Amino acid sequence: MENMRIIKVKQSVLANNDARAESLRQHLKEKGVYFINLMSSPGSGKTTLLVNLINKLKKELRVGVIEADMDAVVDAHTIEDATGVRTIQLHTSGECHLDAKMTSEGIACLGEEGLDLVILENIGNLVCPAEFDTGATMNLVILSVPEGDDKPLKYPLMFTKGNTFVFTKMDTVSVFDFDVEVAKERILKLNPKAKFFPVSAKKDVGVDELASYIVSCVKNYQK
C-alpha cells in the first residue's frame, strides 16, 4: 500500500474542457452571439422565468434556447409554445451537467446564425454544472425563496462561478425563512462583483429590470 500510486485525472479533464469552452467563447464572440448559461436547483422556477423573460427579450433581441435534461422534452415544448423562439432539446443520457463539448454540439444543432442571444437551461443541480465551463459569456444562477438563503454556504462553488443572480418566487418571501440581504451578503463574500435581481415571474415583478440588464449586456458585447 505504501508504494501505491494515486493518479488524479480530474484536473486534466477540466483543463481539456476549459480549452474547448474558450474556443467556443471566441467563436461566439466572432459571430456576435451572447451566451447565457442558466443554472439552479430543480423546481427553482427556471422555465417559468424563461418564458416571461424571453417574451420581453425578443422585442429587442433574436433569441435561441437550448433546454438540457437527462430525459424528457417537457421544458423545450413549453418554451417553444409559449415564446415562439428557436428551441432545441438536449438530452445528456444520465449526465448531471453539461460540458463544453455537449454545449458546442447543442449550439451547432440550434444554429447560431441570425441570433443575438443563446440561453442554455442547464440541468437542475447546484453541484455538477458549476464544475464545467460551458463557454458561456454569463453564468446566471437562480436561487428561489423556498430553498432558503443558506444555499451559498452549502454550495459555494456554484455561487462563486455565477456572475448574475436571480432570487425567484419573491411573492412567497413572507411565507418562507429567506432574507434577501443575508443571501446577498453570503454571495458577495464569495463573489464581490455579483449582480442581483429579485423577481417574481408569475407576478411579473422585477423581470423588466433583468431583461433590460441582459439587453444592455448583449448590446455592449456586440459593439
Protein backbone atom coordinates (compact mmCIF):
# COMPACT_ATOMS: atom_id res chain seq x y z
CA MET A 1 0.00 0.00 0.00
CA GLU A 2 2.90 2.36 0.73
CA ASN A 3 4.02 2.19 -2.91
CA MET A 4 0.57 2.65 -4.39
CA ARG A 5 0.39 5.47 -6.93
CA ILE A 6 -2.63 7.75 -6.89
CA ILE A 7 -3.26 9.50 -10.20
CA LYS A 8 -5.62 12.47 -10.25
CA VAL A 9 -7.26 12.82 -13.66
CA LYS A 10 -9.91 15.45 -12.89
CA GLN A 11 -7.55 18.35 -13.48
CA SER A 12 -6.67 17.10 -16.96
CA VAL A 13 -10.33 16.52 -17.83
CA LEU A 14 -11.27 20.01 -16.69
CA ALA A 15 -8.27 21.54 -18.48
CA ASN A 16 -9.39 19.97 -21.75
CA ASN A 17 -12.92 21.18 -21.14
CA ASP A 18 -11.72 24.71 -20.35
CA ALA A 19 -9.78 24.84 -23.62
CA ARG A 20 -12.84 23.73 -25.58
CA ALA A 21 -15.01 26.23 -23.70
CA GLU A 22 -12.65 29.10 -24.50
CA SER A 23 -12.65 28.10 -28.17
CA LEU A 24 -16.47 28.15 -28.21
CA ARG A 25 -16.50 31.52 -26.43
CA GLN A 26 -14.20 33.01 -29.07
CA HIS A 27 -16.28 31.53 -31.88
CA LEU A 28 -19.49 33.04 -30.49
CA LYS A 29 -17.76 36.38 -29.94
CA GLU A 30 -16.78 36.47 -33.61
CA LYS A 31 -20.42 35.77 -34.50
CA GLY A 32 -21.69 38.42 -32.08
CA VAL A 33 -23.75 35.84 -30.18
CA TYR A 34 -24.07 36.32 -26.42
CA PHE A 35 -24.38 33.05 -24.49
CA ILE A 36 -26.08 32.67 -21.10
CA ASN A 37 -25.72 29.51 -19.01
CA LEU A 38 -28.71 29.34 -16.65
CA MET A 39 -28.15 27.17 -13.56
CA SER A 40 -30.21 26.35 -10.49
CA SER A 41 -31.66 23.53 -8.45
CA PRO A 42 -34.76 21.63 -9.66
CA GLY A 43 -38.04 23.44 -9.03
CA SER A 44 -36.49 26.90 -8.68
CA GLY A 45 -38.68 28.34 -11.43
CA LYS A 46 -36.18 28.36 -14.33
CA THR A 47 -38.68 27.61 -17.08
CA THR A 48 -41.38 29.93 -15.73
CA LEU A 49 -38.85 32.75 -15.53
CA LEU A 50 -37.53 31.99 -19.02
CA VAL A 51 -40.96 32.21 -20.62
CA ASN A 52 -41.62 35.62 -19.06
CA LEU A 53 -38.08 36.85 -19.70
CA ILE A 54 -37.82 35.68 -23.31
CA ASN A 55 -41.13 37.29 -24.24
CA LYS A 56 -39.60 40.59 -23.13
CA LEU A 57 -36.14 39.99 -24.64
CA LYS A 58 -37.44 39.00 -28.07
CA LYS A 59 -38.77 42.52 -28.59
CA GLU A 60 -35.16 43.67 -28.95
CA LEU A 61 -33.08 40.52 -29.45
CA ARG A 62 -33.16 37.41 -31.61
CA VAL A 63 -33.16 34.61 -29.03
CA GLY A 64 -32.49 30.88 -29.20
CA VAL A 65 -32.85 28.38 -26.35
CA ILE A 66 -31.19 25.07 -25.53
CA GLU A 67 -33.12 23.01 -22.99
CA ALA A 68 -30.94 20.42 -21.26
CA ASP A 69 -32.40 17.46 -19.39
CA MET A 70 -31.38 13.92 -18.59
CA ASP A 71 -34.58 12.89 -20.37
CA ALA A 72 -37.99 14.27 -21.43
CA VAL A 73 -38.89 17.22 -23.67
CA VAL A 74 -41.44 18.98 -21.47
CA ASP A 75 -39.48 22.20 -20.92
CA ALA A 76 -38.49 22.57 -24.57
CA HIS A 77 -42.12 22.26 -25.66
CA THR A 78 -43.15 24.79 -23.01
CA ILE A 79 -40.56 27.36 -24.15
CA GLU A 80 -41.30 26.88 -27.84
CA ASP A 81 -45.08 27.02 -27.42
CA ALA A 82 -45.06 30.00 -25.02
CA THR A 83 -42.44 32.16 -26.74
CA GLY A 84 -42.11 31.01 -30.35
CA VAL A 85 -38.31 31.33 -30.30
CA ARG A 86 -35.94 28.80 -31.82
CA THR A 87 -35.62 25.96 -29.30
CA ILE A 88 -33.96 22.55 -29.14
CA GLN A 89 -33.90 19.80 -26.51
CA LEU A 90 -30.54 18.39 -25.44
CA HIS A 91 -30.51 15.03 -23.63
CA THR A 92 -27.46 14.20 -21.50
CA SER A 93 -28.05 10.44 -21.26
CA GLY A 94 -27.90 10.47 -17.48
CA GLU A 95 -25.15 13.06 -17.01
CA CYS A 96 -25.97 15.64 -14.32
CA HIS A 97 -24.21 18.51 -16.11
CA LEU A 98 -23.23 19.87 -19.50
CA ASP A 99 -19.62 20.27 -20.51
CA ALA A 100 -18.22 22.40 -23.33
CA LYS A 101 -18.36 19.55 -25.86
CA MET A 102 -22.06 18.92 -25.22
CA THR A 103 -22.75 22.64 -25.35
CA SER A 104 -20.88 23.03 -28.65
CA GLU A 105 -22.94 20.23 -30.14
CA GLY A 106 -26.13 21.82 -28.86
CA ILE A 107 -25.28 25.20 -30.33
CA ALA A 108 -24.35 23.58 -33.64
CA CYS A 109 -27.76 21.87 -33.74
CA LEU A 110 -29.58 25.05 -32.71
CA GLY A 111 -27.63 27.12 -35.22
CA GLU A 112 -26.27 30.45 -34.05
CA GLU A 113 -26.77 32.24 -37.37
CA GLY A 114 -29.35 35.02 -37.09
CA LEU A 115 -29.26 35.06 -33.28
CA ASP A 116 -28.11 37.69 -30.81
CA LEU A 117 -28.56 35.57 -27.71
CA VAL A 118 -28.48 31.87 -26.86
CA ILE A 119 -29.77 30.76 -23.46
CA LEU A 120 -28.88 27.32 -22.11
CA GLU A 121 -31.14 26.00 -19.38
CA ASN A 122 -28.68 23.65 -17.68
CA ILE A 123 -29.53 20.54 -15.69
CA GLY A 124 -31.27 21.30 -12.40
CA ASN A 125 -28.41 20.81 -9.96
CA LEU A 126 -26.35 23.09 -7.69
CA VAL A 127 -23.24 20.88 -7.79
CA CYS A 128 -22.10 19.38 -11.11
CA PRO A 129 -22.96 22.21 -13.53
CA ALA A 130 -20.74 24.61 -11.60
CA GLU A 131 -17.67 22.45 -12.24
CA PHE A 132 -17.75 22.67 -16.03
CA ASP A 133 -17.18 25.79 -18.12
CA THR A 134 -19.72 25.70 -20.97
CA GLY A 135 -18.21 28.61 -22.88
CA ALA A 136 -20.87 31.00 -21.65
CA THR A 137 -20.48 34.77 -21.50
CA MET A 138 -22.78 34.98 -18.46
CA ASN A 139 -23.42 32.39 -15.76
CA LEU A 140 -26.90 33.22 -14.50
CA VAL A 141 -27.78 31.47 -11.23
CA ILE A 142 -31.28 31.23 -9.80
CA LEU A 143 -31.92 30.92 -6.06
CA SER A 144 -35.60 30.57 -5.18
CA VAL A 145 -37.07 31.84 -1.92
CA PRO A 146 -38.37 28.41 -0.80
CA GLU A 147 -34.83 26.99 -1.00
CA GLY A 148 -33.58 29.28 1.76
CA ASP A 149 -30.80 31.87 1.99
CA ASP A 150 -28.25 29.32 3.23
CA LYS A 151 -27.57 27.77 -0.19
CA PRO A 152 -24.43 29.91 -0.83
CA LEU A 153 -22.98 28.35 2.33
CA LYS A 154 -23.83 24.80 1.23
CA TYR A 155 -22.89 25.10 -2.46
CA PRO A 156 -20.14 27.74 -2.58
CA LEU A 157 -18.72 26.73 -5.98
CA MET A 158 -21.99 27.49 -7.76
CA PHE A 159 -22.16 30.93 -6.17
CA THR A 160 -18.52 31.56 -6.98
CA LYS A 161 -18.88 30.62 -10.65
CA GLY A 162 -22.05 32.64 -11.20
CA ASN A 163 -21.85 36.33 -12.02
CA THR A 164 -25.55 37.25 -12.13
CA PHE A 165 -28.02 36.03 -9.51
CA VAL A 166 -31.80 35.97 -9.62
CA PHE A 167 -33.87 35.47 -6.48
CA THR A 168 -37.10 33.93 -7.75
CA LYS A 169 -40.56 33.46 -6.22
CA MET A 170 -40.24 36.71 -4.29
CA ASP A 171 -44.03 36.74 -3.94
CA THR A 172 -43.57 33.96 -1.35
CA VAL A 173 -40.94 35.71 0.76
CA SER A 174 -43.41 36.38 3.59
CA VAL A 175 -44.06 32.64 3.91
CA PHE A 176 -40.50 31.29 3.93
CA ASP A 177 -37.44 31.96 6.06
CA PHE A 178 -35.50 33.86 3.39
CA ASP A 179 -33.62 37.10 3.97
CA VAL A 180 -32.61 38.81 0.71
CA GLU A 181 -29.91 40.92 2.33
CA VAL A 182 -28.41 37.88 4.07
CA ALA A 183 -28.40 35.97 0.78
CA LYS A 184 -26.66 38.87 -0.95
CA GLU A 185 -24.08 39.17 1.81
CA ARG A 186 -23.25 35.47 1.64
CA ILE A 187 -22.87 35.55 -2.13
CA LEU A 188 -20.79 38.74 -2.12
CA LYS A 189 -18.28 37.11 0.22
CA LEU A 190 -17.70 34.51 -2.49
CA ASN A 191 -18.23 36.80 -5.44
CA PRO A 192 -17.70 40.54 -4.81
CA LYS A 193 -18.81 41.58 -8.33
CA ALA A 194 -22.13 39.72 -8.25
CA LYS A 195 -25.26 41.34 -9.69
CA PHE A 196 -28.66 40.69 -8.07
CA PHE A 197 -32.23 40.68 -9.38
CA PRO A 198 -35.15 39.79 -7.05
CA VAL A 199 -38.10 38.71 -9.21
CA SER A 200 -41.50 37.09 -9.22
CA ALA A 201 -42.04 35.65 -12.68
CA LYS A 202 -45.68 34.81 -12.01
CA LYS A 203 -46.44 38.31 -10.74
CA ASP A 204 -44.18 39.89 -13.40
CA VAL A 205 -42.19 41.78 -10.77
CA GLY A 206 -38.53 42.55 -11.40
CA VAL A 207 -38.40 40.77 -14.76
CA ASP A 208 -38.27 44.03 -16.74
CA GLU A 209 -35.14 45.06 -14.83
CA LEU A 210 -33.49 41.71 -15.53
CA ALA A 211 -34.44 41.88 -19.21
CA SER A 212 -33.06 45.43 -19.52
CA TYR A 213 -29.79 44.36 -17.94
CA ILE A 214 -29.42 41.41 -20.32
CA VAL A 215 -30.21 43.58 -23.36
CA SER A 216 -27.56 46.09 -22.28
CA CYS A 217 -25.02 43.25 -21.82
CA VAL A 218 -25.74 41.90 -25.30
CA LYS A 219 -25.59 45.33 -26.96
CA ASN A 220 -22.27 46.17 -25.27
CA TYR A 221 -20.91 42.75 -26.22
CA GLN A 222 -21.79 43.28 -29.87
CA LYS A 223 -20.08 46.68 -30.17
